[in-house]
Amino acid sequence: MKSVGARHTDGQPLDDQGRLARTAAALAPGGLAPAGVYRFTSHEEADRWMLEMIRRSRERRSPKTSPASVAR
């Protein structure tokens, strides 16, 4: 059997997972969608629902820019 490559990991995998979890939490405070189990009749319905949840979560967050910088 021929080996094409090898996976090399530096450090502890759990440390990497922790960094990833902290980054995800910082990017989406409060989460993108409410926790729970949801059932949809189609992938399109699920996509529409997820986009609506993302839109709502972005509306709840405070803007990163000042109102003066938006108007030109």
PDB file of N, CA and C in Angstrom:
ATOM      1  N   MET A   1       0.848  -1.176   0.000  1.00  0.00           N
ATOM      2  CA  MET A   1       0.000   0.000   0.000  1.00  0.00           C
ATOM      3  C   MET A   1       0.889   1.232   0.000  1.00  0.00           C
ATOM      4  N   LYS A   2       0.531   2.223  -0.779  1.00  0.00           N
ATOM      5  CA  LYS A   2       1.316   3.443  -0.891  1.00  0.00           C
ATOM      6  C   LYS A   2       0.699   4.548  -0.035  1.00  0.00           C
ATOM      7  N   SER A   3       1.536   5.231   0.719  1.00  0.00           N
ATOM      8  CA  SER A   3       1.095   6.350   1.526  1.00  0.00           C
ATOM      9  C   SER A   3       1.398   7.641   0.784  1.00  0.00           C
ATOM     10  N   VAL A   4       0.397   8.494   0.609  1.00  0.00           N
ATOM     11  CA  VAL A   4       0.553   9.706  -0.183  1.00  0.00           C
ATOM     12  C   VAL A   4       0.953  10.894   0.685  1.00  0.00           C
ATOM     13  N   GLY A   5       0.649  10.877   1.919  1.00  0.00           N
ATOM     14  CA  GLY A   5       0.982  11.994   2.788  1.00  0.00           C
ATOM     15  C   GLY A   5       0.804  11.611   4.236  1.00  0.00           C
ATOM     16  N   ALA A   6       1.155  12.512   5.090  1.00  0.00           N
ATOM     17  CA  ALA A   6       0.990  12.274   6.516  1.00  0.00           C
ATOM     18  C   ALA A   6       0.455  13.547   7.145  1.00  0.00           C
ATOM     19  N   ARG A   7      -0.349  13.368   8.125  1.00  0.00           N
ATOM     20  CA  ARG A   7      -0.907  14.510   8.825  1.00  0.00           C
ATOM     21  C   ARG A   7      -0.012  14.814  10.018  1.00  0.00           C
ATOM     22  N   HIS A   8       0.462  16.042  10.078  1.00  0.00           N
ATOM     23  CA  HIS A   8       1.311  16.471  11.178  1.00  0.00           C
ATOM     24  C   HIS A   8       0.538  17.500  11.991  1.00  0.00           C
ATOM     25  N   THR A   9       0.449  17.269  13.267  1.00  0.00           N
ATOM     26  CA  THR A   9      -0.226  18.230  14.134  1.00  0.00           C
ATOM     27  C   THR A   9       0.787  18.754  15.131  1.00  0.00           C
ATOM     28  N   ASP A  10       0.787  20.032  15.300  1.00  0.00           N
ATOM     29  CA  ASP A  10       1.641  20.671  16.291  1.00  0.00           C
ATOM     30  C   ASP A  10       0.760  21.093  17.451  1.00  0.00           C
ATOM     31  N   GLY A  11       1.131  20.739  18.637  1.00  0.00           N
ATOM     32  CA  GLY A  11       0.350  21.116  19.800  1.00  0.00           C
ATOM     33  C   GLY A  11      -0.767  20.129  20.069  1.00  0.00           C
ATOM     34  N   GLN A  12      -1.685  20.563  20.885  1.00  0.00           N
ATOM     35  CA  GLN A  12      -2.799  19.720  21.302  1.00  0.00           C
ATOM     36  C   GLN A  12      -4.033  20.015  20.460  1.00  0.00           C
ATOM     37  N   PRO A  13      -4.689  18.991  19.914  1.00  0.00           N
ATOM     38  CA  PRO A  13      -5.900  19.233  19.117  1.00  0.00           C
ATOM     39  C   PRO A  13      -7.000  19.945  19.904  1.00  0.00           C
ATOM     40  N   LEU A  14      -7.107  19.688  21.202  1.00  0.00           N
ATOM     41  CA  LEU A  14      -8.146  20.349  21.994  1.00  0.00           C
ATOM     42  C   LEU A  14      -7.883  21.839  22.132  1.00  0.00           C
ATOM     43  N   ASP A  15      -6.621  22.237  22.117  1.00  0.00           N
ATOM     44  CA  ASP A  15      -6.309  23.667  22.142  1.00  0.00           C
ATOM     45  C   ASP A  15      -6.803  24.330  20.866  1.00  0.00           C
ATOM     46  N   ASP A  16      -6.593  23.674  19.727  1.00  0.00           N
ATOM     47  CA  ASP A  16      -7.074  24.206  18.455  1.00  0.00           C
ATOM     48  C   ASP A  16      -8.591  24.309  18.446  1.00  0.00           C
ATOM     49  N   GLN A  17      -9.269  23.297  18.987  1.00  0.00           N
ATOM     50  CA  GLN A  17     -10.730  23.307  19.039  1.00  0.00           C
ATOM     51  C   GLN A  17     -11.209  24.455  19.916  1.00  0.00           C
ATOM     52  N   GLY A  18     -10.520  24.703  21.008  1.00  0.00           N
ATOM     53  CA  GLY A  18     -10.893  25.802  21.902  1.00  0.00           C
ATOM     54  C   GLY A  18     -10.767  27.151  21.223  1.00  0.00           C
ATOM     55  N   ARG A  19      -9.689  27.339  20.465  1.00  0.00           N
ATOM     56  CA  ARG A  19      -9.512  28.596  19.726  1.00  0.00           C
ATOM     57  C   ARG A  19     -10.622  28.772  18.696  1.00  0.00           C
ATOM     58  N   LEU A  20     -10.958  27.692  18.004  1.00  0.00           N
ATOM     59  CA  LEU A  20     -12.024  27.755  17.005  1.00  0.00           C
ATOM     60  C   LEU A  20     -13.356  28.112  17.661  1.00  0.00           C
ATOM     61  N   ALA A  21     -13.659  27.509  18.798  1.00  0.00           N
ATOM     62  CA  ALA A  21     -14.918  27.796  19.496  1.00  0.00           C
ATOM     63  C   ALA A  21     -14.970  29.245  19.959  1.00  0.00           C
ATOM     64  N   ARG A  22     -13.853  29.776  20.477  1.00  0.00           N
ATOM     65  CA  ARG A  22     -13.822  31.181  20.910  1.00  0.00           C
ATOM     66  C   ARG A  22     -13.993  32.129  19.731  1.00  0.00           C
ATOM     67  N   THR A  23     -13.382  31.806  18.603  1.00  0.00           N
ATOM     68  CA  THR A  23     -13.526  32.638  17.413  1.00  0.00           C
ATOM     69  C   THR A  23     -14.968  32.643  16.927  1.00  0.00           C
ATOM     70  N   ALA A  24     -15.595  31.472  16.889  1.00  0.00           N
ATOM     71  CA  ALA A  24     -16.991  31.381  16.453  1.00  0.00           C
ATOM     72  C   ALA A  24     -17.905  32.164  17.388  1.00  0.00           C
ATOM     73  N   ALA A  25     -17.653  32.100  18.692  1.00  0.00           N
ATOM     74  CA  ALA A  25     -18.479  32.835  19.649  1.00  0.00           C
ATOM     75  C   ALA A  25     -18.306  34.342  19.484  1.00  0.00           C
ATOM     76  N   ALA A  26     -17.090  34.772  19.166  1.00  0.00           N
ATOM     77  CA  ALA A  26     -16.849  36.204  18.975  1.00  0.00           C
ATOM     78  C   ALA A  26     -17.514  36.710  17.699  1.00  0.00           C
ATOM     79  N   LEU A  27     -17.549  35.887  16.671  1.00  0.00           N
ATOM     80  CA  LEU A  27     -18.154  36.294  15.410  1.00  0.00           C
ATOM     81  C   LEU A  27     -19.676  36.330  15.475  1.00  0.00           C
ATOM     82  N   ALA A  28     -20.267  35.480  16.270  1.00  0.00           N
ATOM     83  CA  ALA A  28     -21.729  35.410  16.349  1.00  0.00           C
ATOM     84  C   ALA A  28     -22.182  35.405  17.804  1.00  0.00           C
ATOM     85  N   PRO A  29     -22.071  36.556  18.505  1.00  0.00           N
ATOM     86  CA  PRO A  29     -22.516  36.581  19.893  1.00  0.00           C
ATOM     87  C   PRO A  29     -24.010  36.284  19.986  1.00  0.00           C
ATOM     88  N   GLY A  30     -24.368  35.405  20.856  1.00  0.00           N
ATOM     89  CA  GLY A  30     -25.762  35.016  20.990  1.00  0.00           C
ATOM     90  C   GLY A  30     -26.180  33.954  19.999  1.00  0.00           C
ATOM     91  N   GLY A  31     -25.282  33.556  19.135  1.00  0.00           N
ATOM     92  CA  GLY A  31     -25.596  32.524  18.152  1.00  0.00           C
ATOM     93  C   GLY A  31     -26.314  33.082  16.943  1.00  0.00           C
ATOM     94  N   LEU A  32     -26.270  32.340  15.874  1.00  0.00           N
ATOM     95  CA  LEU A  32     -26.969  32.766  14.660  1.00  0.00           C
ATOM     96  C   LEU A  32     -28.442  32.405  14.709  1.00  0.00           C
ATOM     97  N   ALA A  33     -28.759  31.285  15.333  1.00  0.00           N
ATOM     98  CA  ALA A  33     -30.146  30.822  15.377  1.00  0.00           C
ATOM     99  C   ALA A  33     -30.438  30.291  16.770  1.00  0.00           C
ATOM    100  N   PRO A  34     -31.693  30.350  17.184  1.00  0.00           N
ATOM    101  CA  PRO A  34     -32.056  29.800  18.483  1.00  0.00           C
ATOM    102  C   PRO A  34     -31.753  28.303  18.550  1.00  0.00           C
ATOM    103  N   ALA A  35     -31.324  27.851  19.723  1.00  0.00           N
ATOM    104  CA  ALA A  35     -31.011  26.441  19.889  1.00  0.00           C
ATOM    105  C   ALA A  35     -32.288  25.614  19.837  1.00  0.00           C
ATOM    106  N   GLY A  36     -32.172  24.414  19.363  1.00  0.00           N
ATOM    107  CA  GLY A  36     -33.322  23.528  19.306  1.00  0.00           C
ATOM    108  C   GLY A  36     -33.292  22.643  18.083  1.00  0.00           C
ATOM    109  N   VAL A  37     -34.309  21.834  17.966  1.00  0.00           N
ATOM    110  CA  VAL A  37     -34.451  20.936  16.823  1.00  0.00           C
ATOM    111  C   VAL A  37     -35.562  21.488  15.945  1.00  0.00           C
ATOM    112  N   TYR A  38     -35.271  21.652  14.682  1.00  0.00           N
ATOM    113  CA  TYR A  38     -36.241  22.216  13.748  1.00  0.00           C
ATOM    114  C   TYR A  38     -36.467  21.227  12.617  1.00  0.00           C
ATOM    115  N   ARG A  39     -37.686  21.131  12.158  1.00  0.00           N
ATOM    116  CA  ARG A  39     -38.014  20.233  11.050  1.00  0.00           C
ATOM    117  C   ARG A  39     -38.575  21.067   9.909  1.00  0.00           C
ATOM    118  N   PHE A  40     -38.057  20.805   8.728  1.00  0.00           N
ATOM    119  CA  PHE A  40     -38.469  21.541   7.540  1.00  0.00           C
ATOM    120  C   PHE A  40     -38.913  20.548   6.480  1.00  0.00           C
ATOM    121  N   THR A  41     -39.796  21.004   5.601  1.00  0.00           N
ATOM    122  CA  THR A  41     -40.289  20.119   4.544  1.00  0.00           C
ATOM    123  C   THR A  41     -39.348  20.079   3.348  1.00  0.00           C
ATOM    124  N   SER A  42     -38.423  21.084   3.247  1.00  0.00           N
ATOM    125  CA  SER A  42     -37.491  21.099   2.123  1.00  0.00           C
ATOM    126  C   SER A  42     -36.218  21.837   2.534  1.00  0.00           C
ATOM    127  N   HIS A  43     -35.180  21.655   1.747  1.00  0.00           N
ATOM    128  CA  HIS A  43     -33.937  22.378   1.991  1.00  0.00           C
ATOM    129  C   HIS A  43     -34.138  23.866   1.740  1.00  0.00           C
ATOM    130  N   GLU A  44     -34.962  24.204   0.798  1.00  0.00           N
ATOM    131  CA  GLU A  44     -35.225  25.612   0.498  1.00  0.00           C
ATOM    132  C   GLU A  44     -35.885  26.306   1.688  1.00  0.00           C
ATOM    133  N   GLU A  45     -36.829  25.629   2.324  1.00  0.00           N
ATOM    134  CA  GLU A  45     -37.478  26.193   3.506  1.00  0.00           C
ATOM    135  C   GLU A  45     -36.464  26.383   4.627  1.00  0.00           C
ATOM    136  N   ALA A  46     -35.590  25.423   4.825  1.00  0.00           N
ATOM    137  CA  ALA A  46     -34.555  25.525   5.858  1.00  0.00           C
ATOM    138  C   ALA A  46     -33.604  26.676   5.553  1.00  0.00           C
ATOM    139  N   ASP A  47     -33.241  26.848   4.286  1.00  0.00           N
ATOM    140  CA  ASP A  47     -32.361  27.943   3.898  1.00  0.00           C
ATOM    141  C   ASP A  47     -33.011  29.294   4.152  1.00  0.00           C
ATOM    142  N   ARG A  48     -34.292  29.431   3.795  1.00  0.00           N
ATOM    143  CA  ARG A  48     -35.003  30.693   4.042  1.00  0.00           C
ATOM    144  C   ARG A  48     -35.050  31.001   5.532  1.00  0.00           C
ATOM    145  N   TRP A  49     -35.321  29.983   6.347  1.00  0.00           N
ATOM    146  CA  TRP A  49     -35.395  30.161   7.789  1.00  0.00           C
ATOM    147  C   TRP A  49     -34.036  30.597   8.332  1.00  0.00           C
ATOM    148  N   MET A  50     -32.949  29.933   7.901  1.00  0.00           N
ATOM    149  CA  MET A  50     -31.620  30.280   8.401  1.00  0.00           C
ATOM    150  C   MET A  50     -31.236  31.692   7.998  1.00  0.00           C
ATOM    151  N   LEU A  51     -31.528  32.105   6.781  1.00  0.00           N
ATOM    152  CA  LEU A  51     -31.231  33.469   6.368  1.00  0.00           C
ATOM    153  C   LEU A  51     -32.005  34.494   7.195  1.00  0.00           C
ATOM    154  N   GLU A  52     -33.242  34.169   7.518  1.00  0.00           N
ATOM    155  CA  GLU A  52     -34.038  35.062   8.369  1.00  0.00           C
ATOM    156  C   GLU A  52     -33.433  35.159   9.772  1.00  0.00           C
ATOM    157  N   MET A  53     -32.980  34.050  10.323  1.00  0.00           N
ATOM    158  CA  MET A  53     -32.363  34.060  11.656  1.00  0.00           C
ATOM    159  C   MET A  53     -31.055  34.859  11.637  1.00  0.00           C
ATOM    160  N   ILE A  54     -30.268  34.722  10.590  1.00  0.00           N
ATOM    161  CA  ILE A  54     -29.026  35.492  10.477  1.00  0.00           C
ATOM    162  C   ILE A  54     -29.340  36.976  10.373  1.00  0.00           C
ATOM    163  N   ARG A  55     -30.365  37.318   9.578  1.00  0.00           N
ATOM    164  CA  ARG A  55     -30.760  38.725   9.437  1.00  0.00           C
ATOM    165  C   ARG A  55     -31.178  39.298  10.788  1.00  0.00           C
ATOM    166  N   ARG A  56     -31.971  38.555  11.532  1.00  0.00           N
ATOM    167  CA  ARG A  56     -32.420  39.029  12.847  1.00  0.00           C
ATOM    168  C   ARG A  56     -31.261  39.194  13.818  1.00  0.00           C
ATOM    169  N   SER A  57     -30.322  38.259  13.808  1.00  0.00           N
ATOM    170  CA  SER A  57     -29.200  38.363  14.741  1.00  0.00           C
ATOM    171  C   SER A  57     -28.312  39.553  14.393  1.00  0.00           C
ATOM    172  N   ARG A  58     -28.172  39.865  13.100  1.00  0.00           N
ATOM    173  CA  ARG A  58     -27.380  41.029  12.698  1.00  0.00           C
ATOM    174  C   ARG A  58     -28.081  42.326  13.100  1.00  0.00           C
ATOM    175  N   GLU A  59     -29.408  42.346  13.077  1.00  0.00           N
ATOM    176  CA  GLU A  59     -30.144  43.543  13.479  1.00  0.00           C
ATOM    177  C   GLU A  59     -29.989  43.803  14.971  1.00  0.00           C
ATOM    178  N   ARG A  60     -29.879  42.741  15.764  1.00  0.00           N
ATOM    179  CA  ARG A  60     -29.751  42.899  17.217  1.00  0.00           C
ATOM    180  C   ARG A  60     -28.386  43.446  17.622  1.00  0.00           C
ATOM    181  N   ARG A  61     -27.363  43.163  16.822  1.00  0.00           N
ATOM    182  CA  ARG A  61     -26.018  43.619  17.164  1.00  0.00           C
ATOM    183  C   ARG A  61     -25.875  45.109  16.910  1.00  0.00           C
ATOM    184  N   SER A  62     -25.031  45.736  17.715  1.00  0.00           N
ATOM    185  CA  SER A  62     -24.779  47.164  17.493  1.00  0.00           C
ATOM    186  C   SER A  62     -23.868  47.317  16.277  1.00  0.00           C
ATOM    187  N   PRO A  63     -24.053  48.377  15.525  1.00  0.00           N
ATOM    188  CA  PRO A  63     -23.214  48.573  14.335  1.00  0.00           C
ATOM    189  C   PRO A  63     -21.771  48.829  14.716  1.00  0.00           C
ATOM    190  N   LYS A  64     -20.860  48.421  13.849  1.00  0.00           N
ATOM    191  CA  LYS A  64     -19.428  48.595  14.101  1.00  0.00           C
ATOM    192  C   LYS A  64     -18.942  49.971  13.648  1.00  0.00           C
ATOM    193  N   THR A  65     -19.732  50.656  12.831  1.00  0.00           N
ATOM    194  CA  THR A  65     -19.336  51.963  12.344  1.00  0.00           C
ATOM    195  C   THR A  65     -20.246  53.032  12.930  1.00  0.00           C
ATOM    196  N   SER A  66     -19.752  54.235  12.975  1.00  0.00           N
ATOM    197  CA  SER A  66     -20.580  55.319  13.482  1.00  0.00           C
ATOM    198  C   SER A  66     -21.562  55.755  12.400  1.00  0.00           C
ATOM    199  N   PRO A  67     -22.727  56.280  12.775  1.00  0.00           N
ATOM    200  CA  PRO A  67     -23.709  56.721  11.778  1.00  0.00           C
ATOM    201  C   PRO A  67     -23.159  57.795  10.847  1.00  0.00           C
ATOM    202  N   ALA A  68     -22.243  58.615  11.340  1.00  0.00           N
ATOM    203  CA  ALA A  68     -21.683  59.693  10.519  1.00  0.00           C
ATOM    204  C   ALA A  68     -20.837  59.150   9.380  1.00  0.00           C
ATOM    205  N   SER A  69     -20.204  58.007   9.574  1.00  0.00           N
ATOM    206  CA  SER A  69     -19.322  57.487   8.529  1.00  0.00           C
ATOM    207  C   SER A  69     -20.110  56.842   7.404  1.00  0.00           C
ATOM    208  N   VAL A  70     -21.371  56.503   7.630  1.00  0.00           N
ATOM    209  CA  VAL A  70     -22.186  55.857   6.606  1.00  0.00           C
ATOM    210  C   VAL A  70     -22.679  56.882   5.597  1.00  0.00           C
ATOM    211  N   ALA A  71     -23.132  58.043   6.078  1.00  0.00           N
ATOM    212  CA  ALA A  71     -23.660  59.077   5.180  1.00  0.00           C
ATOM    213  C   ALA A  71     -22.512  59.829   4.543  1.00  0.00           C
ATOM    214  N   ARG A  72     -22.566  59.943   3.229  1.00  0.00           N
ATOM    215  CA  ARG A  72     -21.518  60.699   2.515  1.00  0.00           C
ATOM    216  C   ARG A  72     -22.137  61.774   1.684  1.00  0.00           C
TER     217      ARG A  72
END
